[in-house]
Amino acid sequence: MARSPLLLLIGLRCSGKTTLGKATAQSLNLPCADLDPSVLAALGCSTVTEAFAFHGERGWRDAEAAAFRQALDASDIRVLSVGGGTPTTAGSAAAIRQGQQQGWLRVALLDPGQEELIKRLQASRGDRPTLASDPMDEVSRLAAERMPLFRSLADMVIDTREPLAACVQRLATLLTLNPDTAPSSPASESPQGRSRRAS
């Protein structure tokens, strides 16, 4: 029996993954999940800051990679939001590409642009340790390190400066595409993905 499609939301911190994941799942009445709680449970911590303090970034990344593999294998998740570094953890990019090639995994990159990300980080640091001396340095460094990989994995790129409803509509379209026309690899984009990248 063919596996139901899974929508994976990736992007830098504060790009809107959790918010849009919940909104998209709610619009389609589908189950969704955010990866951080699973990682925290595996490490026995209540906050990401605590996890980094006790286990270090390496310990967090190892637990994150394991939780991500488990989430991909879960049949009861249809929309999955992951941390900004999840696709960079060991084996995660390969697992994403395998799911795309098998036709059941659809990947959306949320990207409001660096200027907007800096504003969002300045407004609310959230439950994560700082990864650079200030938001501008953090966004600039992580964008340089991660965005090339993220773009290579994305079937669709969403500018999350746009209204929530418009973003949800595009994500819902990606998830519900007919399997015969859905993207099968990062190099094969949906028409919606091509239009987003052209804008």
C-alpha atoms as a PDB file:
ATOM      1  CA  MET A   1       0.000   0.000   0.000  1.00  0.00           C
ATOM      2  CA  ALA A   2       1.340   3.441  -0.969  1.00  0.00           C
ATOM      3  CA  ARG A   3       2.416   5.644   1.883  1.00  0.00           C
ATOM      4  CA  SER A   4       0.489   8.867   2.551  1.00  0.00           C
ATOM      5  CA  PRO A   5       2.474  12.004   1.669  1.00  0.00           C
ATOM      6  CA  LEU A   6       4.406  13.768   4.421  1.00  0.00           C
ATOM      7  CA  LEU A   7       5.059  17.510   4.283  1.00  0.00           C
ATOM      8  CA  LEU A   8       8.404  18.494   5.803  1.00  0.00           C
ATOM      9  CA  LEU A   9       9.034  22.138   6.713  1.00  0.00           C
ATOM     10  CA  ILE A  10      12.653  23.262   6.868  1.00  0.00           C
ATOM     11  CA  GLY A  11      14.305  26.657   7.272  1.00  0.00           C
ATOM     12  CA  LEU A  12      16.388  28.801   9.584  1.00  0.00           C
ATOM     13  CA  ARG A  13      15.227  29.660  13.080  1.00  0.00           C
ATOM     14  CA  CYS A  14      12.216  32.025  13.185  1.00  0.00           C
ATOM     15  CA  SER A  15      11.275  31.284   9.571  1.00  0.00           C
ATOM     16  CA  GLY A  16       7.779  30.208  10.684  1.00  0.00           C
ATOM     17  CA  LYS A  17       7.983  26.412  10.583  1.00  0.00           C
ATOM     18  CA  THR A  18       6.001  25.637  13.735  1.00  0.00           C
ATOM     19  CA  THR A  19       3.309  28.227  13.051  1.00  0.00           C
ATOM     20  CA  LEU A  20       2.805  27.217   9.437  1.00  0.00           C
ATOM     21  CA  GLY A  21       3.041  23.518  10.199  1.00  0.00           C
ATOM     22  CA  LYS A  22       0.186  23.744  12.678  1.00  0.00           C
ATOM     23  CA  ALA A  23      -1.885  26.025  10.445  1.00  0.00           C
ATOM     24  CA  THR A  24      -1.460  23.822   7.371  1.00  0.00           C
ATOM     25  CA  ALA A  25      -2.289  20.638   9.257  1.00  0.00           C
ATOM     26  CA  GLN A  26      -5.339  22.282  10.805  1.00  0.00           C
ATOM     27  CA  SER A  27      -6.555  23.481   7.400  1.00  0.00           C
ATOM     28  CA  LEU A  28      -6.435  19.901   6.083  1.00  0.00           C
ATOM     29  CA  ASN A  29      -7.480  18.230   9.339  1.00  0.00           C
ATOM     30  CA  LEU A  30      -4.261  16.202   9.408  1.00  0.00           C
ATOM     31  CA  PRO A  31      -1.919  15.245  12.267  1.00  0.00           C
ATOM     32  CA  CYS A  32       1.246  17.295  12.640  1.00  0.00           C
ATOM     33  CA  ALA A  33       4.332  17.216  14.811  1.00  0.00           C
ATOM     34  CA  ASP A  34       7.197  19.455  15.830  1.00  0.00           C
ATOM     35  CA  LEU A  35      10.529  17.695  16.281  1.00  0.00           C
ATOM     36  CA  ASP A  36      11.879  19.616  19.287  1.00  0.00           C
ATOM     37  CA  PRO A  37       9.629  17.970  21.927  1.00  0.00           C
ATOM     38  CA  SER A  38      10.790  14.527  20.801  1.00  0.00           C
ATOM     39  CA  VAL A  39      14.434  15.554  21.056  1.00  0.00           C
ATOM     40  CA  LEU A  40      13.880  17.053  24.508  1.00  0.00           C
ATOM     41  CA  ALA A  41      12.147  13.890  25.697  1.00  0.00           C
ATOM     42  CA  ALA A  42      15.042  11.749  24.458  1.00  0.00           C
ATOM     43  CA  LEU A  43      17.534  13.934  26.364  1.00  0.00           C
ATOM     44  CA  GLY A  44      15.396  14.216  29.499  1.00  0.00           C
ATOM     45  CA  CYS A  45      15.307  18.016  29.352  1.00  0.00           C
ATOM     46  CA  SER A  46      12.501  20.544  29.466  1.00  0.00           C
ATOM     47  CA  THR A  47      14.041  23.289  27.311  1.00  0.00           C
ATOM     48  CA  VAL A  48      16.477  23.474  24.401  1.00  0.00           C
ATOM     49  CA  THR A  49      18.703  25.799  26.404  1.00  0.00           C
ATOM     50  CA  GLU A  50      18.883  23.202  29.178  1.00  0.00           C
ATOM     51  CA  ALA A  51      19.651  20.455  26.663  1.00  0.00           C
ATOM     52  CA  PHE A  52      22.518  22.451  25.158  1.00  0.00           C
ATOM     53  CA  ALA A  53      23.863  23.195  28.648  1.00  0.00           C
ATOM     54  CA  PHE A  54      23.863  19.550  29.779  1.00  0.00           C
ATOM     55  CA  HIS A  55      24.565  17.705  26.520  1.00  0.00           C
ATOM     56  CA  GLY A  56      26.269  20.294  24.342  1.00  0.00           C
ATOM     57  CA  GLU A  57      25.406  21.023  20.738  1.00  0.00           C
ATOM     58  CA  ARG A  58      26.834  17.653  19.656  1.00  0.00           C
ATOM     59  CA  GLY A  59      24.560  15.779  22.054  1.00  0.00           C
ATOM     60  CA  TRP A  60      21.571  17.766  20.831  1.00  0.00           C
ATOM     61  CA  ARG A  61      22.398  17.111  17.165  1.00  0.00           C
ATOM     62  CA  ASP A  62      22.824  13.369  17.723  1.00  0.00           C
ATOM     63  CA  ALA A  63      19.465  13.132  19.494  1.00  0.00           C
ATOM     64  CA  GLU A  64      17.911  15.369  16.839  1.00  0.00           C
ATOM     65  CA  ALA A  65      19.088  13.085  14.024  1.00  0.00           C
ATOM     66  CA  ALA A  66      17.670  10.016  15.785  1.00  0.00           C
ATOM     67  CA  ALA A  67      14.336  11.722  16.493  1.00  0.00           C
ATOM     68  CA  PHE A  68      14.121  12.852  12.890  1.00  0.00           C
ATOM     69  CA  ARG A  69      14.559   9.315  11.555  1.00  0.00           C
ATOM     70  CA  GLN A  70      11.824   8.117  13.910  1.00  0.00           C
ATOM     71  CA  ALA A  71       9.506  10.910  12.793  1.00  0.00           C
ATOM     72  CA  LEU A  72      10.029  10.057   9.131  1.00  0.00           C
ATOM     73  CA  ASP A  73       9.105   6.449   9.893  1.00  0.00           C
ATOM     74  CA  ALA A  74       5.945   7.406  11.786  1.00  0.00           C
ATOM     75  CA  SER A  75       2.800   6.736   9.775  1.00  0.00           C
ATOM     76  CA  ASP A  76       0.642   9.023  11.946  1.00  0.00           C
ATOM     77  CA  ILE A  77       2.456  12.275  11.019  1.00  0.00           C
ATOM     78  CA  ARG A  78       1.475  14.162   7.871  1.00  0.00           C
ATOM     79  CA  VAL A  79       3.064  17.562   8.547  1.00  0.00           C
ATOM     80  CA  LEU A  80       6.458  17.771  10.268  1.00  0.00           C
ATOM     81  CA  SER A  81       8.298  20.908  11.382  1.00  0.00           C
ATOM     82  CA  VAL A  82      11.966  20.508  12.281  1.00  0.00           C
ATOM     83  CA  GLY A  83      14.697  22.601  13.850  1.00  0.00           C
ATOM     84  CA  GLY A  84      16.872  24.892  11.790  1.00  0.00           C
ATOM     85  CA  GLY A  85      19.807  22.498  11.976  1.00  0.00           C
ATOM     86  CA  THR A  86      17.943  19.217  11.505  1.00  0.00           C
ATOM     87  CA  PRO A  87      18.690  18.706   7.790  1.00  0.00           C
ATOM     88  CA  THR A  88      22.411  19.166   8.538  1.00  0.00           C
ATOM     89  CA  THR A  89      22.567  16.345  11.107  1.00  0.00           C
ATOM     90  CA  ALA A  90      24.157  13.007  10.255  1.00  0.00           C
ATOM     91  CA  GLY A  91      22.208  11.092   7.632  1.00  0.00           C
ATOM     92  CA  SER A  92      19.248  13.486   7.584  1.00  0.00           C
ATOM     93  CA  ALA A  93      19.749  14.972   4.115  1.00  0.00           C
ATOM     94  CA  ALA A  94      20.157  11.485   2.657  1.00  0.00           C
ATOM     95  CA  ALA A  95      16.967  10.334   4.384  1.00  0.00           C
ATOM     96  CA  ILE A  96      15.103  13.342   2.996  1.00  0.00           C
ATOM     97  CA  ARG A  97      16.282  12.664  -0.550  1.00  0.00           C
ATOM     98  CA  GLN A  98      15.345   9.008  -0.247  1.00  0.00           C
ATOM     99  CA  GLY A  99      11.807   9.933   0.815  1.00  0.00           C
ATOM    100  CA  GLN A 100      11.538  12.339  -2.109  1.00  0.00           C
ATOM    101  CA  GLN A 101      12.749   9.741  -4.566  1.00  0.00           C
ATOM    102  CA  GLN A 102      10.173   7.288  -3.220  1.00  0.00           C
ATOM    103  CA  GLY A 103       7.494   9.904  -3.816  1.00  0.00           C
ATOM    104  CA  TRP A 104       6.003  10.282  -0.330  1.00  0.00           C
ATOM    105  CA  LEU A 105       8.062  13.161   1.091  1.00  0.00           C
ATOM    106  CA  ARG A 106       7.410  16.776   0.052  1.00  0.00           C
ATOM    107  CA  VAL A 107       9.830  19.441   1.329  1.00  0.00           C
ATOM    108  CA  ALA A 108       9.039  23.129   1.737  1.00  0.00           C
ATOM    109  CA  LEU A 109      11.735  25.664   2.579  1.00  0.00           C
ATOM    110  CA  LEU A 110      10.422  28.640   4.525  1.00  0.00           C
ATOM    111  CA  ASP A 111      12.503  31.717   3.805  1.00  0.00           C
ATOM    112  CA  PRO A 112      11.402  35.243   4.781  1.00  0.00           C
ATOM    113  CA  GLY A 113      14.834  36.639   3.922  1.00  0.00           C
ATOM    114  CA  GLN A 114      17.715  37.570   6.195  1.00  0.00           C
ATOM    115  CA  GLU A 115      16.475  41.049   7.095  1.00  0.00           C
ATOM    116  CA  GLU A 116      13.157  39.683   8.341  1.00  0.00           C
ATOM    117  CA  LEU A 117      14.841  36.814  10.207  1.00  0.00           C
ATOM    118  CA  ILE A 118      17.050  39.287  12.052  1.00  0.00           C
ATOM    119  CA  LYS A 119      13.993  41.308  13.080  1.00  0.00           C
ATOM    120  CA  ARG A 120      12.246  38.186  14.343  1.00  0.00           C
ATOM    121  CA  LEU A 121      15.276  37.033  16.321  1.00  0.00           C
ATOM    122  CA  GLN A 122      15.645  40.458  17.903  1.00  0.00           C
ATOM    123  CA  ALA A 123      11.982  40.442  18.875  1.00  0.00           C
ATOM    124  CA  SER A 124      11.984  36.982  20.415  1.00  0.00           C
ATOM    125  CA  ARG A 125      14.984  34.759  20.985  1.00  0.00           C
ATOM    126  CA  GLY A 126      12.752  31.885  22.054  1.00  0.00           C
ATOM    127  CA  ASP A 127      13.940  28.741  23.807  1.00  0.00           C
ATOM    128  CA  ARG A 128      17.250  28.322  22.037  1.00  0.00           C
ATOM    129  CA  PRO A 129      20.795  29.332  22.942  1.00  0.00           C
ATOM    130  CA  THR A 130      22.402  32.015  20.818  1.00  0.00           C
ATOM    131  CA  LEU A 131      24.698  30.612  18.137  1.00  0.00           C
ATOM    132  CA  ALA A 132      26.510  33.903  17.470  1.00  0.00           C
ATOM    133  CA  SER A 133      27.258  37.209  19.197  1.00  0.00           C
ATOM    134  CA  ASP A 134      24.162  38.936  17.802  1.00  0.00           C
ATOM    135  CA  PRO A 135      21.181  38.118  15.550  1.00  0.00           C
ATOM    136  CA  MET A 136      22.790  39.663  12.462  1.00  0.00           C
ATOM    137  CA  ASP A 137      25.918  37.525  12.841  1.00  0.00           C
ATOM    138  CA  GLU A 138      23.852  34.420  13.548  1.00  0.00           C
ATOM    139  CA  VAL A 139      21.557  34.785  10.535  1.00  0.00           C
ATOM    140  CA  SER A 140      24.417  35.685   8.194  1.00  0.00           C
ATOM    141  CA  ARG A 141      26.571  32.740   9.269  1.00  0.00           C
ATOM    142  CA  LEU A 142      23.822  30.142   9.345  1.00  0.00           C
ATOM    143  CA  ALA A 143      22.392  31.313   6.025  1.00  0.00           C
ATOM    144  CA  ALA A 144      25.799  30.864   4.403  1.00  0.00           C
ATOM    145  CA  GLU A 145      26.264  27.449   5.993  1.00  0.00           C
ATOM    146  CA  ARG A 146      22.799  25.971   5.584  1.00  0.00           C
ATOM    147  CA  MET A 147      20.786  27.638   2.834  1.00  0.00           C
ATOM    148  CA  PRO A 148      22.608  25.983  -0.105  1.00  0.00           C
ATOM    149  CA  LEU A 149      21.689  22.571   1.334  1.00  0.00           C
ATOM    150  CA  PHE A 150      18.152  23.678   2.173  1.00  0.00           C
ATOM    151  CA  ARG A 151      17.571  24.949  -1.360  1.00  0.00           C
ATOM    152  CA  SER A 152      18.903  21.714  -2.839  1.00  0.00           C
ATOM    153  CA  LEU A 153      16.358  19.765  -0.776  1.00  0.00           C
ATOM    154  CA  ALA A 154      13.343  22.032  -1.337  1.00  0.00           C
ATOM    155  CA  ASP A 155      10.451  21.124  -3.617  1.00  0.00           C
ATOM    156  CA  MET A 156       8.945  24.531  -2.892  1.00  0.00           C
ATOM    157  CA  VAL A 157      10.241  27.790  -1.380  1.00  0.00           C
ATOM    158  CA  ILE A 158       7.782  29.887   0.623  1.00  0.00           C
ATOM    159  CA  ASP A 159       8.356  33.556   1.439  1.00  0.00           C
ATOM    160  CA  THR A 160       6.842  33.708   4.921  1.00  0.00           C
ATOM    161  CA  ARG A 161       6.564  37.494   4.809  1.00  0.00           C
ATOM    162  CA  GLU A 162       3.415  36.820   2.813  1.00  0.00           C
ATOM    163  CA  PRO A 163       0.052  36.451   4.607  1.00  0.00           C
ATOM    164  CA  LEU A 164      -0.428  33.286   6.628  1.00  0.00           C
ATOM    165  CA  ALA A 165      -3.411  32.163   4.553  1.00  0.00           C
ATOM    166  CA  ALA A 166      -1.464  32.422   1.295  1.00  0.00           C
ATOM    167  CA  CYS A 167       1.439  30.412   2.715  1.00  0.00           C
ATOM    168  CA  VAL A 168      -0.915  27.744   4.054  1.00  0.00           C
ATOM    169  CA  GLN A 169      -2.625  27.457   0.673  1.00  0.00           C
ATOM    170  CA  ARG A 170       0.682  26.848  -1.116  1.00  0.00           C
ATOM    171  CA  LEU A 171       1.786  24.282   1.447  1.00  0.00           C
ATOM    172  CA  ALA A 172      -1.540  22.473   1.293  1.00  0.00           C
ATOM    173  CA  THR A 173      -1.263  22.356  -2.492  1.00  0.00           C
ATOM    174  CA  LEU A 174       2.207  20.811  -2.271  1.00  0.00           C
ATOM    175  CA  LEU A 175       1.043  18.159   0.183  1.00  0.00           C
ATOM    176  CA  THR A 176      -2.068  17.210  -1.766  1.00  0.00           C
ATOM    177  CA  LEU A 177      -0.546  17.100  -5.254  1.00  0.00           C
ATOM    178  CA  ASN A 178      -1.405  13.998  -7.260  1.00  0.00           C
ATOM    179  CA  PRO A 179       1.408  11.434  -6.765  1.00  0.00           C
ATOM    180  CA  ASP A 180       1.927  11.322 -10.532  1.00  0.00           C
ATOM    181  CA  THR A 181       2.740  15.031 -10.629  1.00  0.00           C
ATOM    182  CA  ALA A 182       4.316  15.475  -7.195  1.00  0.00           C
ATOM    183  CA  PRO A 183       8.070  16.188  -7.063  1.00  0.00           C
ATOM    184  CA  SER A 184      10.123  12.995  -6.919  1.00  0.00           C
ATOM    185  CA  SER A 185      13.518  14.566  -6.242  1.00  0.00           C
ATOM    186  CA  PRO A 186      15.055  17.926  -5.324  1.00  0.00           C
ATOM    187  CA  ALA A 187      15.878  18.453  -9.010  1.00  0.00           C
ATOM    188  CA  SER A 188      12.257  17.923 -10.047  1.00  0.00           C
ATOM    189  CA  GLU A 189      10.163  20.798  -8.754  1.00  0.00           C
ATOM    190  CA  SER A 190       6.440  21.174  -8.769  1.00  0.00           C
ATOM    191  CA  PRO A 191       4.987  24.020 -10.852  1.00  0.00           C
ATOM    192  CA  GLN A 192       4.276  25.821  -7.580  1.00  0.00           C
ATOM    193  CA  GLY A 193       7.909  25.427  -6.528  1.00  0.00           C
ATOM    194  CA  ARG A 194       9.167  26.848  -9.816  1.00  0.00           C
ATOM    195  CA  SER A 195       6.872  29.857  -9.537  1.00  0.00           C
ATOM    196  CA  ARG A 196       8.047  30.613  -6.003  1.00  0.00           C
ATOM    197  CA  ARG A 197      11.697  30.478  -6.983  1.00  0.00           C
ATOM    198  CA  ALA A 198      11.095  32.718  -9.959  1.00  0.00           C
ATOM    199  CA  SER A 199       9.586  35.437  -7.779  1.00  0.00           C
END
